[in-house]
mmCIF file of all heavy atoms, coordinates in Angstrom:
data_MODEL
# 
_entry.id   MODEL 
# 
loop_
_atom_site.group_PDB 
_atom_site.id 
_atom_site.type_symbol 
_atom_site.label_atom_id 
_atom_site.label_alt_id 
_atom_site.label_comp_id 
_atom_site.label_asym_id 
_atom_site.label_entity_id 
_atom_site.label_seq_id 
_atom_site.pdbx_PDB_ins_code 
_atom_site.Cartn_x 
_atom_site.Cartn_y 
_atom_site.Cartn_z 
_atom_site.occupancy 
_atom_site.B_iso_or_equiv 
_atom_site.pdbx_formal_charge 
_atom_site.auth_seq_id 
_atom_site.auth_comp_id 
_atom_site.auth_asym_id 
_atom_site.auth_atom_id 
_atom_site.pdbx_PDB_model_num 
ATOM 1   N N   . VAL A 1 1  ? 79.814 131.977 104.511 1.00 0.00 ? 1  VAL A N   1 
ATOM 2   C CA  . VAL A 1 1  ? 78.837 130.999 105.063 1.00 0.00 ? 1  VAL A CA  1 
ATOM 3   C C   . VAL A 1 1  ? 77.544 131.820 105.235 1.00 0.00 ? 1  VAL A C   1 
ATOM 4   O O   . VAL A 1 1  ? 77.504 132.927 105.772 1.00 0.00 ? 1  VAL A O   1 
ATOM 5   C CB  . VAL A 1 1  ? 79.283 130.568 106.450 1.00 0.00 ? 1  VAL A CB  1 
ATOM 6   C CG1 . VAL A 1 1  ? 78.274 129.547 107.024 1.00 0.00 ? 1  VAL A CG1 1 
ATOM 7   C CG2 . VAL A 1 1  ? 80.652 129.939 106.416 1.00 0.00 ? 1  VAL A CG2 1 
ATOM 8   N N   . ALA A 1 2  ? 76.443 131.197 104.584 1.00 0.00 ? 2  ALA A N   1 
ATOM 9   C CA  . ALA A 1 2  ? 75.155 131.853 104.673 1.00 0.00 ? 2  ALA A CA  1 
ATOM 10  C C   . ALA A 1 2  ? 74.059 130.708 105.012 1.00 0.00 ? 2  ALA A C   1 
ATOM 11  O O   . ALA A 1 2  ? 74.375 129.575 104.872 1.00 0.00 ? 2  ALA A O   1 
ATOM 12  C CB  . ALA A 1 2  ? 74.818 132.503 103.308 1.00 0.00 ? 2  ALA A CB  1 
ATOM 13  N N   . ALA A 1 3  ? 72.936 131.191 105.505 1.00 0.00 ? 3  ALA A N   1 
ATOM 14  C CA  . ALA A 1 3  ? 71.834 130.277 105.730 1.00 0.00 ? 3  ALA A CA  1 
ATOM 15  C C   . ALA A 1 3  ? 70.544 130.855 105.394 1.00 0.00 ? 3  ALA A C   1 
ATOM 16  O O   . ALA A 1 3  ? 70.278 132.131 105.509 1.00 0.00 ? 3  ALA A O   1 
ATOM 17  C CB  . ALA A 1 3  ? 71.864 129.964 107.274 1.00 0.00 ? 3  ALA A CB  1 
ATOM 18  N N   . THR A 1 4  ? 69.664 130.008 104.933 1.00 0.00 ? 4  THR A N   1 
ATOM 19  C CA  . THR A 1 4  ? 68.273 130.494 104.667 1.00 0.00 ? 4  THR A CA  1 
ATOM 20  C C   . THR A 1 4  ? 67.348 129.329 105.246 1.00 0.00 ? 4  THR A C   1 
ATOM 21  O O   . THR A 1 4  ? 67.702 128.211 105.447 1.00 0.00 ? 4  THR A O   1 
ATOM 22  C CB  . THR A 1 4  ? 67.989 130.536 103.123 1.00 0.00 ? 4  THR A CB  1 
ATOM 23  O OG1 . THR A 1 4  ? 68.288 129.291 102.586 1.00 0.00 ? 4  THR A OG1 1 
ATOM 24  C CG2 . THR A 1 4  ? 68.805 131.604 102.497 1.00 0.00 ? 4  THR A CG2 1 
ATOM 25  N N   . GLN A 1 5  ? 66.154 129.768 105.480 1.00 0.00 ? 5  GLN A N   1 
ATOM 26  C CA  . GLN A 1 5  ? 65.071 128.835 106.092 1.00 0.00 ? 5  GLN A CA  1 
ATOM 27  C C   . GLN A 1 5  ? 63.839 129.005 105.244 1.00 0.00 ? 5  GLN A C   1 
ATOM 28  O O   . GLN A 1 5  ? 63.382 130.069 104.966 1.00 0.00 ? 5  GLN A O   1 
ATOM 29  C CB  . GLN A 1 5  ? 64.906 129.102 107.594 1.00 0.00 ? 5  GLN A CB  1 
ATOM 30  C CG  . GLN A 1 5  ? 64.011 128.111 108.233 1.00 0.00 ? 5  GLN A CG  1 
ATOM 31  C CD  . GLN A 1 5  ? 64.012 128.168 109.714 1.00 0.00 ? 5  GLN A CD  1 
ATOM 32  O OE1 . GLN A 1 5  ? 64.671 129.057 110.393 1.00 0.00 ? 5  GLN A OE1 1 
ATOM 33  N NE2 . GLN A 1 5  ? 63.275 127.363 110.385 1.00 0.00 ? 5  GLN A NE2 1 
ATOM 34  N N   . SER A 1 6  ? 63.222 127.811 105.020 1.00 0.00 ? 6  SER A N   1 
ATOM 35  C CA  . SER A 1 6  ? 61.913 127.693 104.494 1.00 0.00 ? 6  SER A CA  1 
ATOM 36  C C   . SER A 1 6  ? 61.099 126.823 105.279 1.00 0.00 ? 6  SER A C   1 
ATOM 37  O O   . SER A 1 6  ? 61.371 125.543 105.267 1.00 0.00 ? 6  SER A O   1 
ATOM 38  C CB  . SER A 1 6  ? 62.070 127.216 102.956 1.00 0.00 ? 6  SER A CB  1 
ATOM 39  O OG  . SER A 1 6  ? 60.697 127.106 102.410 1.00 0.00 ? 6  SER A OG  1 
ATOM 40  N N   . GLY A 1 7  ? 60.195 127.337 105.984 1.00 0.00 ? 7  GLY A N   1 
ATOM 41  C CA  . GLY A 1 7  ? 59.479 126.491 106.927 1.00 0.00 ? 7  GLY A CA  1 
ATOM 42  C C   . GLY A 1 7  ? 60.454 125.982 107.999 1.00 0.00 ? 7  GLY A C   1 
ATOM 43  O O   . GLY A 1 7  ? 61.084 126.697 108.591 1.00 0.00 ? 7  GLY A O   1 
ATOM 44  N N   . SER A 1 8  ? 60.414 124.712 108.135 1.00 0.00 ? 8  SER A N   1 
ATOM 45  C CA  . SER A 1 8  ? 61.348 124.075 109.148 1.00 0.00 ? 8  SER A CA  1 
ATOM 46  C C   . SER A 1 8  ? 62.650 123.556 108.480 1.00 0.00 ? 8  SER A C   1 
ATOM 47  O O   . SER A 1 8  ? 63.529 123.006 109.088 1.00 0.00 ? 8  SER A O   1 
ATOM 48  C CB  . SER A 1 8  ? 60.704 122.965 109.901 1.00 0.00 ? 8  SER A CB  1 
ATOM 49  O OG  . SER A 1 8  ? 60.192 121.910 109.043 1.00 0.00 ? 8  SER A OG  1 
ATOM 50  N N   . LYS A 1 9  ? 62.824 123.784 107.181 1.00 0.00 ? 9  LYS A N   1 
ATOM 51  C CA  . LYS A 1 9  ? 63.939 123.271 106.446 1.00 0.00 ? 9  LYS A CA  1 
ATOM 52  C C   . LYS A 1 9  ? 64.962 124.457 106.429 1.00 0.00 ? 9  LYS A C   1 
ATOM 53  O O   . LYS A 1 9  ? 64.750 125.582 105.991 1.00 0.00 ? 9  LYS A O   1 
ATOM 54  C CB  . LYS A 1 9  ? 63.649 122.836 105.069 1.00 0.00 ? 9  LYS A CB  1 
ATOM 55  C CG  . LYS A 1 9  ? 64.799 122.223 104.376 1.00 0.00 ? 9  LYS A CG  1 
ATOM 56  C CD  . LYS A 1 9  ? 64.358 121.664 103.016 1.00 0.00 ? 9  LYS A CD  1 
ATOM 57  C CE  . LYS A 1 9  ? 65.503 120.966 102.346 1.00 0.00 ? 9  LYS A CE  1 
ATOM 58  N NZ  . LYS A 1 9  ? 65.072 120.424 101.095 1.00 0.00 ? 9  LYS A NZ  1 
ATOM 59  N N   . VAL A 1 10 ? 66.291 124.048 106.804 1.00 0.00 ? 10 VAL A N   1 
ATOM 60  C CA  . VAL A 1 10 ? 67.348 125.061 106.808 1.00 0.00 ? 10 VAL A CA  1 
ATOM 61  C C   . VAL A 1 10 ? 68.369 124.601 105.757 1.00 0.00 ? 10 VAL A C   1 
ATOM 62  O O   . VAL A 1 10 ? 68.721 123.445 105.737 1.00 0.00 ? 10 VAL A O   1 
ATOM 63  C CB  . VAL A 1 10 ? 68.007 125.112 108.169 1.00 0.00 ? 10 VAL A CB  1 
ATOM 64  C CG1 . VAL A 1 10 ? 69.237 126.102 108.218 1.00 0.00 ? 10 VAL A CG1 1 
ATOM 65  C CG2 . VAL A 1 10 ? 67.058 125.591 109.251 1.00 0.00 ? 10 VAL A CG2 1 
ATOM 66  N N   . LEU A 1 11 ? 68.912 125.637 105.028 1.00 0.00 ? 11 LEU A N   1 
ATOM 67  C CA  . LEU A 1 11 ? 70.027 125.418 104.096 1.00 0.00 ? 11 LEU A CA  1 
ATOM 68  C C   . LEU A 1 11 ? 71.179 126.273 104.382 1.00 0.00 ? 11 LEU A C   1 
ATOM 69  O O   . LEU A 1 11 ? 71.034 127.527 104.516 1.00 0.00 ? 11 LEU A O   1 
ATOM 70  C CB  . LEU A 1 11 ? 69.567 125.609 102.612 1.00 0.00 ? 11 LEU A CB  1 
ATOM 71  C CG  . LEU A 1 11 ? 70.689 125.627 101.551 1.00 0.00 ? 11 LEU A CG  1 
ATOM 72  C CD1 . LEU A 1 11 ? 71.244 124.215 101.464 1.00 0.00 ? 11 LEU A CD1 1 
ATOM 73  C CD2 . LEU A 1 11 ? 70.113 126.104 100.188 1.00 0.00 ? 11 LEU A CD2 1 
ATOM 74  N N   . ILE A 1 12 ? 72.338 125.613 104.748 1.00 0.00 ? 12 ILE A N   1 
ATOM 75  C CA  . ILE A 1 12 ? 73.437 126.353 104.982 1.00 0.00 ? 12 ILE A CA  1 
ATOM 76  C C   . ILE A 1 12 ? 74.398 126.173 103.790 1.00 0.00 ? 12 ILE A C   1 
ATOM 77  O O   . ILE A 1 12 ? 74.610 125.022 103.346 1.00 0.00 ? 12 ILE A O   1 
ATOM 78  C CB  . ILE A 1 12 ? 74.120 125.842 106.303 1.00 0.00 ? 12 ILE A CB  1 
ATOM 79  C CG1 . ILE A 1 12 ? 73.216 125.954 107.471 1.00 0.00 ? 12 ILE A CG1 1 
ATOM 80  C CG2 . ILE A 1 12 ? 75.469 126.437 106.499 1.00 0.00 ? 12 ILE A CG2 1 
ATOM 81  C CD1 . ILE A 1 12 ? 73.684 125.310 108.715 1.00 0.00 ? 12 ILE A CD1 1 
ATOM 82  N N   . GLN A 1 13 ? 74.970 127.264 103.366 1.00 0.00 ? 13 GLN A N   1 
ATOM 83  C CA  . GLN A 1 13 ? 75.820 127.208 102.140 1.00 0.00 ? 13 GLN A CA  1 
ATOM 84  C C   . GLN A 1 13 ? 77.166 127.828 102.571 1.00 0.00 ? 13 GLN A C   1 
ATOM 85  O O   . GLN A 1 13 ? 77.235 128.897 103.149 1.00 0.00 ? 13 GLN A O   1 
ATOM 86  C CB  . GLN A 1 13 ? 75.186 127.925 101.016 1.00 0.00 ? 13 GLN A CB  1 
ATOM 87  C CG  . GLN A 1 13 ? 73.983 127.273 100.463 1.00 0.00 ? 13 GLN A CG  1 
ATOM 88  C CD  . GLN A 1 13 ? 73.429 128.032 99.280  1.00 0.00 ? 13 GLN A CD  1 
ATOM 89  O OE1 . GLN A 1 13 ? 73.198 129.192 99.300  1.00 0.00 ? 13 GLN A OE1 1 
ATOM 90  N NE2 . GLN A 1 13 ? 73.176 127.264 98.162  1.00 0.00 ? 13 GLN A NE2 1 
ATOM 91  N N   . MET A 1 14 ? 78.208 127.228 102.046 1.00 0.00 ? 14 MET A N   1 
ATOM 92  C CA  . MET A 1 14 ? 79.554 127.748 102.172 1.00 0.00 ? 14 MET A CA  1 
ATOM 93  C C   . MET A 1 14 ? 80.107 127.934 100.678 1.00 0.00 ? 14 MET A C   1 
ATOM 94  O O   . MET A 1 14 ? 80.192 126.948 99.975  1.00 0.00 ? 14 MET A O   1 
ATOM 95  C CB  . MET A 1 14 ? 80.433 126.891 102.967 1.00 0.00 ? 14 MET A CB  1 
ATOM 96  C CG  . MET A 1 14 ? 80.009 126.704 104.374 1.00 0.00 ? 14 MET A CG  1 
ATOM 97  S SD  . MET A 1 14 ? 81.104 125.597 105.350 1.00 0.00 ? 14 MET A SD  1 
ATOM 98  C CE  . MET A 1 14 ? 80.111 125.436 106.769 1.00 0.00 ? 14 MET A CE  1 
ATOM 99  N N   . HIS A 1 15 ? 80.364 129.190 100.357 1.00 0.00 ? 15 HIS A N   1 
ATOM 100 C CA  . HIS A 1 15 ? 80.911 129.479 99.024  1.00 0.00 ? 15 HIS A CA  1 
ATOM 101 C C   . HIS A 1 15 ? 82.311 129.753 99.055  1.00 0.00 ? 15 HIS A C   1 
ATOM 102 O O   . HIS A 1 15 ? 82.823 130.487 99.975  1.00 0.00 ? 15 HIS A O   1 
ATOM 103 C CB  . HIS A 1 15 ? 80.119 130.686 98.418  1.00 0.00 ? 15 HIS A CB  1 
ATOM 104 C CG  . HIS A 1 15 ? 78.737 130.457 98.145  1.00 0.00 ? 15 HIS A CG  1 
ATOM 105 N ND1 . HIS A 1 15 ? 78.251 129.909 96.982  1.00 0.00 ? 15 HIS A ND1 1 
ATOM 106 C CD2 . HIS A 1 15 ? 77.663 130.612 98.985  1.00 0.00 ? 15 HIS A CD2 1 
ATOM 107 C CE1 . HIS A 1 15 ? 76.909 129.828 96.983  1.00 0.00 ? 15 HIS A CE1 1 
ATOM 108 N NE2 . HIS A 1 15 ? 76.548 130.202 98.281  1.00 0.00 ? 15 HIS A NE2 1 
ATOM 109 N N   . ASP A 1 16 ? 83.153 129.223 98.142  1.00 0.00 ? 16 ASP A N   1 
ATOM 110 C CA  . ASP A 1 16 ? 84.542 129.504 98.119  1.00 0.00 ? 16 ASP A CA  1 
ATOM 111 C C   . ASP A 1 16 ? 85.014 129.588 96.665  1.00 0.00 ? 16 ASP A C   1 
ATOM 112 O O   . ASP A 1 16 ? 84.774 128.646 95.858  1.00 0.00 ? 16 ASP A O   1 
ATOM 113 C CB  . ASP A 1 16 ? 85.320 128.311 98.758  1.00 0.00 ? 16 ASP A CB  1 
ATOM 114 C CG  . ASP A 1 16 ? 86.794 128.408 98.800  1.00 0.00 ? 16 ASP A CG  1 
ATOM 115 O OD1 . ASP A 1 16 ? 87.331 129.396 98.241  1.00 0.00 ? 16 ASP A OD1 1 
ATOM 116 O OD2 . ASP A 1 16 ? 87.413 127.523 99.312  1.00 0.00 ? 16 ASP A OD2 1 
ATOM 117 N N   . SER A 1 17 ? 85.727 130.601 96.249  1.00 0.00 ? 17 SER A N   1 
ATOM 118 C CA  . SER A 1 17 ? 86.098 130.796 94.876  1.00 0.00 ? 17 SER A CA  1 
ATOM 119 C C   . SER A 1 17 ? 87.289 130.012 94.511  1.00 0.00 ? 17 SER A C   1 
ATOM 120 O O   . SER A 1 17 ? 87.724 129.967 93.361  1.00 0.00 ? 17 SER A O   1 
ATOM 121 C CB  . SER A 1 17 ? 86.353 132.307 94.588  1.00 0.00 ? 17 SER A CB  1 
ATOM 122 O OG  . SER A 1 17 ? 87.475 132.733 95.495  1.00 0.00 ? 17 SER A OG  1 
ATOM 123 N N   . SER A 1 18 ? 87.953 129.283 95.419  1.00 0.00 ? 18 SER A N   1 
ATOM 124 C CA  . SER A 1 18 ? 89.174 128.547 95.125  1.00 0.00 ? 18 SER A CA  1 
ATOM 125 C C   . SER A 1 18 ? 89.055 127.025 95.101  1.00 0.00 ? 18 SER A C   1 
ATOM 126 O O   . SER A 1 18 ? 90.104 126.379 95.002  1.00 0.00 ? 18 SER A O   1 
ATOM 127 C CB  . SER A 1 18 ? 90.306 128.988 96.079  1.00 0.00 ? 18 SER A CB  1 
ATOM 128 O OG  . SER A 1 18 ? 90.092 128.481 97.346  1.00 0.00 ? 18 SER A OG  1 
ATOM 129 N N   . ILE A 1 19 ? 87.877 126.534 95.425  1.00 0.00 ? 19 ILE A N   1 
ATOM 130 C CA  . ILE A 1 19 ? 87.779 125.121 95.550  1.00 0.00 ? 19 ILE A CA  1 
ATOM 131 C C   . ILE A 1 19 ? 88.045 124.522 94.081  1.00 0.00 ? 19 ILE A C   1 
ATOM 132 O O   . ILE A 1 19 ? 87.401 124.853 93.113  1.00 0.00 ? 19 ILE A O   1 
ATOM 133 C CB  . ILE A 1 19 ? 86.303 124.649 95.956  1.00 0.00 ? 19 ILE A CB  1 
ATOM 134 C CG1 . ILE A 1 19 ? 86.142 125.001 97.427  1.00 0.00 ? 19 ILE A CG1 1 
ATOM 135 C CG2 . ILE A 1 19 ? 86.231 123.129 95.776  1.00 0.00 ? 19 ILE A CG2 1 
ATOM 136 C CD1 . ILE A 1 19 ? 84.803 124.668 97.976  1.00 0.00 ? 19 ILE A CD1 1 
ATOM 137 N N   . ARG A 1 20 ? 89.110 123.610 94.004  1.00 0.00 ? 20 ARG A N   1 
ATOM 138 C CA  . ARG A 1 20 ? 89.452 123.070 92.742  1.00 0.00 ? 20 ARG A CA  1 
ATOM 139 C C   . ARG A 1 20 ? 89.313 121.550 92.798  1.00 0.00 ? 20 ARG A C   1 
ATOM 140 O O   . ARG A 1 20 ? 89.078 120.963 91.822  1.00 0.00 ? 20 ARG A O   1 
ATOM 141 C CB  . ARG A 1 20 ? 90.884 123.414 92.495  1.00 0.00 ? 20 ARG A CB  1 
ATOM 142 C CG  . ARG A 1 20 ? 91.185 124.878 92.237  1.00 0.00 ? 20 ARG A CG  1 
ATOM 143 C CD  . ARG A 1 20 ? 90.519 125.371 90.973  1.00 0.00 ? 20 ARG A CD  1 
ATOM 144 N NE  . ARG A 1 20 ? 90.678 126.875 90.912  1.00 0.00 ? 20 ARG A NE  1 
ATOM 145 C CZ  . ARG A 1 20 ? 89.757 127.743 91.065  1.00 0.00 ? 20 ARG A CZ  1 
ATOM 146 N NH1 . ARG A 1 20 ? 88.581 127.371 91.270  1.00 0.00 ? 20 ARG A NH1 1 
ATOM 147 N NH2 . ARG A 1 20 ? 90.017 129.041 90.842  1.00 0.00 ? 20 ARG A NH2 1 
ATOM 148 N N   . ASN A 1 21 ? 89.494 120.878 94.020  1.00 0.00 ? 21 ASN A N   1 
ATOM 149 C CA  . ASN A 1 21 ? 89.422 119.467 94.091  1.00 0.00 ? 21 ASN A CA  1 
ATOM 150 C C   . ASN A 1 21 ? 88.102 119.027 94.778  1.00 0.00 ? 21 ASN A C   1 
ATOM 151 O O   . ASN A 1 21 ? 88.096 118.766 95.910  1.00 0.00 ? 21 ASN A O   1 
ATOM 152 C CB  . ASN A 1 21 ? 90.694 118.974 94.824  1.00 0.00 ? 21 ASN A CB  1 
ATOM 153 C CG  . ASN A 1 21 ? 90.772 117.506 94.749  1.00 0.00 ? 21 ASN A CG  1 
ATOM 154 O OD1 . ASN A 1 21 ? 89.856 116.768 94.395  1.00 0.00 ? 21 ASN A OD1 1 
ATOM 155 N ND2 . ASN A 1 21 ? 91.975 117.007 95.079  1.00 0.00 ? 21 ASN A ND2 1 
ATOM 156 N N   . VAL A 1 22 ? 87.085 118.998 93.942  1.00 0.00 ? 22 VAL A N   1 
ATOM 157 C CA  . VAL A 1 22 ? 85.788 118.603 94.465  1.00 0.00 ? 22 VAL A CA  1 
ATOM 158 C C   . VAL A 1 22 ? 85.818 117.221 95.004  1.00 0.00 ? 22 VAL A C   1 
ATOM 159 O O   . VAL A 1 22 ? 85.130 116.861 95.968  1.00 0.00 ? 22 VAL A O   1 
ATOM 160 C CB  . VAL A 1 22 ? 84.669 118.840 93.306  1.00 0.00 ? 22 VAL A CB  1 
ATOM 161 C CG1 . VAL A 1 22 ? 83.372 118.368 93.847  1.00 0.00 ? 22 VAL A CG1 1 
ATOM 162 C CG2 . VAL A 1 22 ? 84.607 120.318 93.030  1.00 0.00 ? 22 VAL A CG2 1 
ATOM 163 N N   . HIS A 1 23 ? 86.558 116.284 94.339  1.00 0.00 ? 23 HIS A N   1 
ATOM 164 C CA  . HIS A 1 23 ? 86.512 114.946 94.786  1.00 0.00 ? 23 HIS A CA  1 
ATOM 165 C C   . HIS A 1 23 ? 87.180 114.780 96.159  1.00 0.00 ? 23 HIS A C   1 
ATOM 166 O O   . HIS A 1 23 ? 86.683 113.993 97.017  1.00 0.00 ? 23 HIS A O   1 
ATOM 167 C CB  . HIS A 1 23 ? 87.319 114.065 93.783  1.00 0.00 ? 23 HIS A CB  1 
ATOM 168 C CG  . HIS A 1 23 ? 86.690 113.987 92.465  1.00 0.00 ? 23 HIS A CG  1 
ATOM 169 N ND1 . HIS A 1 23 ? 85.536 113.375 92.242  1.00 0.00 ? 23 HIS A ND1 1 
ATOM 170 C CD2 . HIS A 1 23 ? 87.056 114.522 91.275  1.00 0.00 ? 23 HIS A CD2 1 
ATOM 171 C CE1 . HIS A 1 23 ? 85.116 113.487 90.951  1.00 0.00 ? 23 HIS A CE1 1 
ATOM 172 N NE2 . HIS A 1 23 ? 86.052 114.151 90.360  1.00 0.00 ? 23 HIS A NE2 1 
ATOM 173 N N   . ALA A 1 24 ? 88.173 115.536 96.545  1.00 0.00 ? 24 ALA A N   1 
ATOM 174 C CA  . ALA A 1 24 ? 88.798 115.534 97.926  1.00 0.00 ? 24 ALA A CA  1 
ATOM 175 C C   . ALA A 1 24 ? 87.782 116.090 98.837  1.00 0.00 ? 24 ALA A C   1 
ATOM 176 O O   . ALA A 1 24 ? 87.651 115.549 99.982  1.00 0.00 ? 24 ALA A O   1 
ATOM 177 C CB  . ALA A 1 24 ? 90.037 116.435 97.921  1.00 0.00 ? 24 ALA A CB  1 
ATOM 178 N N   . LEU A 1 25 ? 87.030 117.086 98.468  1.00 0.00 ? 25 LEU A N   1 
ATOM 179 C CA  . LEU A 1 25 ? 85.988 117.705 99.363  1.00 0.00 ? 25 LEU A CA  1 
ATOM 180 C C   . LEU A 1 25 ? 84.881 116.733 99.668  1.00 0.00 ? 25 LEU A C   1 
ATOM 181 O O   . LEU A 1 25 ? 84.485 116.457 100.771 1.00 0.00 ? 25 LEU A O   1 
ATOM 182 C CB  . LEU A 1 25 ? 85.416 118.933 98.672  1.00 0.00 ? 25 LEU A CB  1 
ATOM 183 C CG  . LEU A 1 25 ? 84.326 119.719 99.508  1.00 0.00 ? 25 LEU A CG  1 
ATOM 184 C CD1 . LEU A 1 25 ? 84.967 120.249 100.841 1.00 0.00 ? 25 LEU A CD1 1 
ATOM 185 C CD2 . LEU A 1 25 ? 83.823 120.884 98.723  1.00 0.00 ? 25 LEU A CD2 1 
ATOM 186 N N   . ILE A 1 26 ? 84.507 115.945 98.684  1.00 0.00 ? 26 ILE A N   1 
ATOM 187 C CA  . ILE A 1 26 ? 83.414 114.923 98.815  1.00 0.00 ? 26 ILE A CA  1 
ATOM 188 C C   . ILE A 1 26 ? 83.944 113.906 99.747  1.00 0.00 ? 26 ILE A C   1 
ATOM 189 O O   . ILE A 1 26 ? 83.256 113.440 100.639 1.00 0.00 ? 26 ILE A O   1 
ATOM 190 C CB  . ILE A 1 26 ? 83.000 114.292 97.448  1.00 0.00 ? 26 ILE A CB  1 
ATOM 191 C CG1 . ILE A 1 26 ? 82.187 115.375 96.609  1.00 0.00 ? 26 ILE A CG1 1 
ATOM 192 C CG2 . ILE A 1 26 ? 82.164 113.008 97.599  1.00 0.00 ? 26 ILE A CG2 1 
ATOM 193 C CD1 . ILE A 1 26 ? 82.043 114.941 95.204  1.00 0.00 ? 26 ILE A CD1 1 
ATOM 194 N N   . SER A 1 27 ? 85.170 113.465 99.614  1.00 0.00 ? 27 SER A N   1 
ATOM 195 C CA  . SER A 1 27 ? 85.839 112.403 100.408 1.00 0.00 ? 27 SER A CA  1 
ATOM 196 C C   . SER A 1 27 ? 85.800 112.855 101.870 1.00 0.00 ? 27 SER A C   1 
ATOM 197 O O   . SER A 1 27 ? 85.449 112.016 102.769 1.00 0.00 ? 27 SER A O   1 
ATOM 198 C CB  . SER A 1 27 ? 87.198 112.165 99.936  1.00 0.00 ? 27 SER A CB  1 
ATOM 199 O OG  . SER A 1 27 ? 87.775 111.200 100.793 1.00 0.00 ? 27 SER A OG  1 
# 
């Protein structure tokens, strides 16, 4: 889990090498 900020906008990212079912994640 990482985060960056540009001005007042924040981006949080979660990286996982094993995600295989993107459709289930979206759901």
